[in-house]
Amino acid sequence: MGQFQNFQEFYKFYLKEHSQPATRIVHVLGTALGLLLFLPASIVFRRPDFILYGLLFTYSLLFLSHFIIEKNKPATLKNPLWSFMADFKMLYETLTGKVPLNKTL
């Protein structure tokens, strides 16, 4: 898995790559919208391809936030699987108050 020995190490790096509040807001909204809109639509309309559209929609927003706000390369490019997992962990930790949306990390 490259320079990271485990997911916890990667997640620390991931949070540093999302230091700006605006980046985290885009990530939280993009991940939540992708999950809440495209997954149910895929089931309701029996269109598994909607999951792919959801991923494309979500990651387009997330990548833009890195290039425009954070001015760095997305962590997904270093480790796609752990980055996908970290997106959901950060969403959870934001919703539970562990990761703040209103201050720089």
N, C-alpha and C. Protein backbone atom coordinates (compact mmCIF):
# COMPACT_ATOMS: atom_id res chain seq x y z
N MET A 1 0.82 -1.19 0.00
CA MET A 1 0.00 0.00 0.00
C MET A 1 0.87 1.26 0.00
N GLY A 2 2.06 1.15 -0.52
CA GLY A 2 2.90 2.33 -0.66
C GLY A 2 3.53 2.76 0.64
N GLN A 3 3.52 4.06 0.90
CA GLN A 3 4.21 4.62 2.06
C GLN A 3 3.44 4.47 3.36
N PHE A 4 2.23 3.96 3.31
CA PHE A 4 1.40 3.83 4.50
C PHE A 4 1.35 2.37 4.95
N GLN A 5 1.58 2.16 6.23
CA GLN A 5 1.59 0.81 6.77
C GLN A 5 0.18 0.28 7.04
N ASN A 6 -0.75 1.20 7.30
CA ASN A 6 -2.12 0.78 7.61
C ASN A 6 -3.08 1.93 7.29
N PHE A 7 -4.36 1.65 7.43
CA PHE A 7 -5.38 2.63 7.11
C PHE A 7 -5.31 3.84 8.03
N GLN A 8 -5.00 3.63 9.31
CA GLN A 8 -4.91 4.76 10.26
C GLN A 8 -3.85 5.77 9.81
N GLU A 9 -2.71 5.28 9.37
CA GLU A 9 -1.66 6.18 8.86
C GLU A 9 -2.16 6.94 7.64
N PHE A 10 -2.82 6.21 6.75
CA PHE A 10 -3.35 6.86 5.55
C PHE A 10 -4.39 7.91 5.93
N TYR A 11 -5.25 7.60 6.89
CA TYR A 11 -6.32 8.52 7.26
C TYR A 11 -5.76 9.82 7.84
N LYS A 12 -4.67 9.75 8.57
CA LYS A 12 -4.02 10.98 9.08
C LYS A 12 -3.56 11.84 7.89
N PHE A 13 -2.95 11.18 6.91
CA PHE A 13 -2.53 11.88 5.69
C PHE A 13 -3.75 12.46 4.96
N TYR A 14 -4.80 11.67 4.85
CA TYR A 14 -6.03 12.07 4.18
C TYR A 14 -6.61 13.33 4.81
N LEU A 15 -6.67 13.39 6.13
CA LEU A 15 -7.21 14.58 6.80
C LEU A 15 -6.34 15.81 6.53
N LYS A 16 -5.02 15.63 6.47
CA LYS A 16 -4.14 16.76 6.16
C LYS A 16 -4.39 17.28 4.74
N GLU A 17 -4.73 16.36 3.84
CA GLU A 17 -5.02 16.73 2.45
C GLU A 17 -6.39 17.40 2.32
N HIS A 18 -7.15 17.42 3.40
CA HIS A 18 -8.48 18.04 3.44
C HIS A 18 -8.50 19.08 4.56
N SER A 19 -7.49 19.92 4.61
CA SER A 19 -7.33 20.84 5.74
C SER A 19 -8.28 22.02 5.69
N GLN A 20 -8.71 22.43 4.50
CA GLN A 20 -9.59 23.59 4.37
C GLN A 20 -11.04 23.22 4.62
N PRO A 21 -11.77 24.02 5.40
CA PRO A 21 -13.18 23.72 5.66
C PRO A 21 -14.01 23.57 4.38
N ALA A 22 -13.76 24.42 3.38
CA ALA A 22 -14.54 24.34 2.13
C ALA A 22 -14.34 22.99 1.43
N THR A 23 -13.14 22.46 1.49
CA THR A 23 -12.89 21.15 0.87
C THR A 23 -13.69 20.08 1.58
N ARG A 24 -13.69 20.11 2.90
CA ARG A 24 -14.46 19.11 3.66
C ARG A 24 -15.95 19.25 3.42
N ILE A 25 -16.43 20.48 3.29
CA ILE A 25 -17.86 20.69 3.01
C ILE A 25 -18.22 20.08 1.67
N VAL A 26 -17.41 20.33 0.65
CA VAL A 26 -17.68 19.74 -0.67
C VAL A 26 -17.64 18.22 -0.59
N HIS A 27 -16.69 17.68 0.15
CA HIS A 27 -16.58 16.23 0.27
C HIS A 27 -17.79 15.64 1.00
N VAL A 28 -18.18 16.25 2.08
CA VAL A 28 -19.32 15.74 2.85
C VAL A 28 -20.59 15.81 2.01
N LEU A 29 -20.83 16.95 1.38
CA LEU A 29 -22.03 17.09 0.55
C LEU A 29 -21.99 16.17 -0.66
N GLY A 30 -20.85 16.11 -1.33
CA GLY A 30 -20.71 15.26 -2.51
C GLY A 30 -20.90 13.79 -2.18
N THR A 31 -20.26 13.33 -1.12
CA THR A 31 -20.38 11.92 -0.71
C THR A 31 -21.81 11.61 -0.29
N ALA A 32 -22.40 12.48 0.50
CA ALA A 32 -23.78 12.25 0.96
C ALA A 32 -24.77 12.27 -0.20
N LEU A 33 -24.64 13.24 -1.10
CA LEU A 33 -25.53 13.31 -2.25
C LEU A 33 -25.36 12.10 -3.16
N GLY A 34 -24.13 11.73 -3.40
CA GLY A 34 -23.88 10.54 -4.22
C GLY A 34 -24.53 9.30 -3.63
N LEU A 35 -24.42 9.16 -2.33
CA LEU A 35 -24.99 8.01 -1.64
C LEU A 35 -26.51 8.08 -1.58
N LEU A 36 -27.04 9.24 -1.23
CA LEU A 36 -28.48 9.37 -1.02
C LEU A 36 -29.29 9.50 -2.30
N LEU A 37 -28.69 9.96 -3.38
CA LEU A 37 -29.43 10.11 -4.63
C LEU A 37 -29.26 8.94 -5.58
N PHE A 38 -28.02 8.56 -5.82
CA PHE A 38 -27.76 7.59 -6.87
C PHE A 38 -27.98 6.14 -6.45
N LEU A 39 -27.67 5.80 -5.21
CA LEU A 39 -27.90 4.42 -4.77
C LEU A 39 -29.39 4.08 -4.74
N PRO A 40 -30.24 4.90 -4.11
CA PRO A 40 -31.67 4.59 -4.14
C PRO A 40 -32.24 4.60 -5.57
N ALA A 41 -31.79 5.54 -6.40
CA ALA A 41 -32.28 5.60 -7.78
C ALA A 41 -31.90 4.33 -8.53
N SER A 42 -30.73 3.83 -8.25
CA SER A 42 -30.28 2.58 -8.87
C SER A 42 -31.21 1.42 -8.52
N ILE A 43 -31.64 1.39 -7.28
CA ILE A 43 -32.54 0.32 -6.81
C ILE A 43 -33.95 0.52 -7.34
N VAL A 44 -34.48 1.73 -7.20
CA VAL A 44 -35.86 2.02 -7.61
C VAL A 44 -36.05 1.80 -9.10
N PHE A 45 -35.12 2.29 -9.90
CA PHE A 45 -35.26 2.19 -11.35
C PHE A 45 -34.58 0.96 -11.94
N ARG A 46 -34.03 0.12 -11.06
CA ARG A 46 -33.32 -1.10 -11.48
C ARG A 46 -32.28 -0.79 -12.54
N ARG A 47 -31.48 0.22 -12.20
CA ARG A 47 -30.42 0.67 -13.11
C ARG A 47 -29.09 0.68 -12.36
N PRO A 48 -28.38 -0.44 -12.35
CA PRO A 48 -27.09 -0.48 -11.65
C PRO A 48 -26.09 0.55 -12.18
N ASP A 49 -26.27 0.99 -13.43
CA ASP A 49 -25.35 1.99 -13.97
C ASP A 49 -25.46 3.33 -13.25
N PHE A 50 -26.56 3.57 -12.53
CA PHE A 50 -26.69 4.80 -11.75
C PHE A 50 -25.62 4.88 -10.66
N ILE A 51 -25.16 3.73 -10.18
CA ILE A 51 -24.08 3.74 -9.18
C ILE A 51 -22.81 4.32 -9.80
N LEU A 52 -22.53 3.93 -11.03
CA LEU A 52 -21.38 4.48 -11.74
C LEU A 52 -21.55 5.99 -11.94
N TYR A 53 -22.75 6.42 -12.32
CA TYR A 53 -23.01 7.86 -12.49
C TYR A 53 -22.82 8.59 -11.16
N GLY A 54 -23.24 7.96 -10.09
CA GLY A 54 -23.06 8.56 -8.77
C GLY A 54 -21.60 8.74 -8.42
N LEU A 55 -20.79 7.72 -8.72
CA LEU A 55 -19.36 7.81 -8.46
C LEU A 55 -18.72 8.91 -9.32
N LEU A 56 -19.12 8.98 -10.58
CA LEU A 56 -18.58 10.02 -11.47
C LEU A 56 -18.97 11.41 -10.99
N PHE A 57 -20.23 11.58 -10.60
CA PHE A 57 -20.71 12.86 -10.08
C PHE A 57 -19.94 13.24 -8.82
N THR A 58 -19.88 12.31 -7.89
CA THR A 58 -19.24 12.58 -6.60
C THR A 58 -17.76 12.90 -6.77
N TYR A 59 -17.03 12.04 -7.47
CA TYR A 59 -15.60 12.26 -7.58
C TYR A 59 -15.25 13.46 -8.46
N SER A 60 -16.11 13.84 -9.37
CA SER A 60 -15.88 15.09 -10.12
C SER A 60 -15.90 16.28 -9.16
N LEU A 61 -16.90 16.32 -8.29
CA LEU A 61 -16.96 17.40 -7.29
C LEU A 61 -15.75 17.37 -6.36
N LEU A 62 -15.42 16.18 -5.88
CA LEU A 62 -14.33 16.06 -4.91
C LEU A 62 -12.99 16.46 -5.52
N PHE A 63 -12.73 16.01 -6.75
CA PHE A 63 -11.48 16.36 -7.41
C PHE A 63 -11.40 17.87 -7.63
N LEU A 64 -12.51 18.47 -8.06
CA LEU A 64 -12.51 19.92 -8.26
C LEU A 64 -12.17 20.66 -6.98
N SER A 65 -12.67 20.17 -5.85
CA SER A 65 -12.36 20.85 -4.59
C SER A 65 -10.87 20.80 -4.28
N HIS A 66 -10.22 19.73 -4.67
CA HIS A 66 -8.77 19.65 -4.44
C HIS A 66 -8.02 20.63 -5.33
N PHE A 67 -8.39 20.67 -6.59
CA PHE A 67 -7.68 21.53 -7.52
C PHE A 67 -7.95 23.01 -7.28
N ILE A 68 -9.19 23.35 -6.94
CA ILE A 68 -9.57 24.76 -6.79
C ILE A 68 -9.35 25.29 -5.37
N ILE A 69 -9.74 24.53 -4.37
CA ILE A 69 -9.69 25.02 -2.98
C ILE A 69 -8.38 24.63 -2.30
N GLU A 70 -8.11 23.35 -2.28
CA GLU A 70 -6.98 22.83 -1.50
C GLU A 70 -5.65 22.99 -2.23
N LYS A 71 -5.70 23.06 -3.55
CA LYS A 71 -4.50 23.19 -4.40
C LYS A 71 -3.54 22.01 -4.22
N ASN A 72 -4.11 20.81 -4.17
CA ASN A 72 -3.30 19.60 -4.07
C ASN A 72 -3.91 18.50 -4.93
N LYS A 73 -3.25 17.38 -5.00
CA LYS A 73 -3.77 16.25 -5.76
C LYS A 73 -4.62 15.39 -4.83
N PRO A 74 -5.73 14.86 -5.33
CA PRO A 74 -6.59 14.02 -4.49
C PRO A 74 -5.87 12.79 -3.96
N ALA A 75 -6.15 12.44 -2.72
CA ALA A 75 -5.56 11.25 -2.09
C ALA A 75 -5.95 9.99 -2.84
N THR A 76 -7.05 10.05 -3.58
CA THR A 76 -7.51 8.91 -4.38
C THR A 76 -6.42 8.45 -5.34
N LEU A 77 -5.62 9.36 -5.82
CA LEU A 77 -4.57 9.00 -6.77
C LEU A 77 -3.46 8.19 -6.11
N LYS A 78 -3.30 8.33 -4.80
CA LYS A 78 -2.27 7.56 -4.08
C LYS A 78 -2.78 6.18 -3.66
N ASN A 79 -4.04 6.12 -3.24
CA ASN A 79 -4.60 4.85 -2.79
C ASN A 79 -6.12 4.90 -2.94
N PRO A 80 -6.65 4.45 -4.08
CA PRO A 80 -8.10 4.56 -4.34
C PRO A 80 -8.99 3.88 -3.31
N LEU A 81 -8.65 2.68 -2.89
CA LEU A 81 -9.52 1.95 -1.95
C LEU A 81 -9.54 2.63 -0.58
N TRP A 82 -8.37 2.93 -0.03
CA TRP A 82 -8.33 3.59 1.28
C TRP A 82 -8.95 4.98 1.21
N SER A 83 -8.78 5.67 0.08
CA SER A 83 -9.38 6.98 -0.07
C SER A 83 -10.91 6.89 -0.06
N PHE A 84 -11.45 5.90 -0.75
CA PHE A 84 -12.90 5.66 -0.76
C PHE A 84 -13.40 5.41 0.66
N MET A 85 -12.67 4.57 1.40
CA MET A 85 -13.04 4.28 2.79
C MET A 85 -12.93 5.54 3.64
N ALA A 86 -11.89 6.33 3.40
CA ALA A 86 -11.67 7.56 4.18
C ALA A 86 -12.76 8.59 3.90
N ASP A 87 -13.28 8.63 2.67
CA ASP A 87 -14.38 9.55 2.37
C ASP A 87 -15.56 9.28 3.31
N PHE A 88 -15.88 8.02 3.49
CA PHE A 88 -17.01 7.67 4.35
C PHE A 88 -16.69 7.84 5.83
N LYS A 89 -15.44 7.59 6.19
CA LYS A 89 -15.05 7.81 7.59
C LYS A 89 -15.11 9.30 7.92
N MET A 90 -14.63 10.15 7.00
CA MET A 90 -14.68 11.58 7.25
C MET A 90 -16.14 12.07 7.27
N LEU A 91 -16.97 11.52 6.41
CA LEU A 91 -18.40 11.87 6.43
C LEU A 91 -18.99 11.54 7.79
N TYR A 92 -18.74 10.33 8.27
CA TYR A 92 -19.24 9.90 9.58
C TYR A 92 -18.70 10.79 10.70
N GLU A 93 -17.40 11.03 10.69
CA GLU A 93 -16.79 11.83 11.75
C GLU A 93 -17.23 13.29 11.69
N THR A 94 -17.58 13.77 10.52
CA THR A 94 -18.11 15.12 10.41
C THR A 94 -19.52 15.17 10.99
N LEU A 95 -20.33 14.20 10.63
CA LEU A 95 -21.72 14.17 11.12
C LEU A 95 -21.78 13.97 12.63
N THR A 96 -20.79 13.29 13.21
CA THR A 96 -20.77 13.06 14.65
C THR A 96 -19.98 14.12 15.41
N GLY A 97 -19.42 15.10 14.69
CA GLY A 97 -18.72 16.21 15.34
C GLY A 97 -17.25 16.00 15.62
N LYS A 98 -16.70 14.87 15.26
CA LYS A 98 -15.27 14.63 15.52
C LYS A 98 -14.38 15.44 14.59
N VAL A 99 -14.79 15.61 13.35
CA VAL A 99 -14.06 16.43 12.38
C VAL A 99 -14.88 17.69 12.13
N PRO A 100 -14.35 18.86 12.50
CA PRO A 100 -15.13 20.09 12.34
C PRO A 100 -15.19 20.56 10.89
N LEU A 101 -16.30 21.17 10.52
CA LEU A 101 -16.45 21.74 9.19
C LEU A 101 -16.03 23.22 9.16
N ASN A 102 -15.93 23.83 10.30
CA ASN A 102 -15.77 25.28 10.33
C ASN A 102 -14.37 25.78 10.66
N LYS A 103 -13.38 24.90 10.73
CA LYS A 103 -12.03 25.40 10.99
C LYS A 103 -10.99 24.58 10.24
N THR A 104 -9.87 25.22 9.98
CA THR A 104 -8.76 24.58 9.27
C THR A 104 -8.13 23.53 10.17
N LEU A 105 -7.82 22.39 9.60
CA LEU A 105 -7.18 21.30 10.37
C LEU A 105 -5.68 21.46 10.36
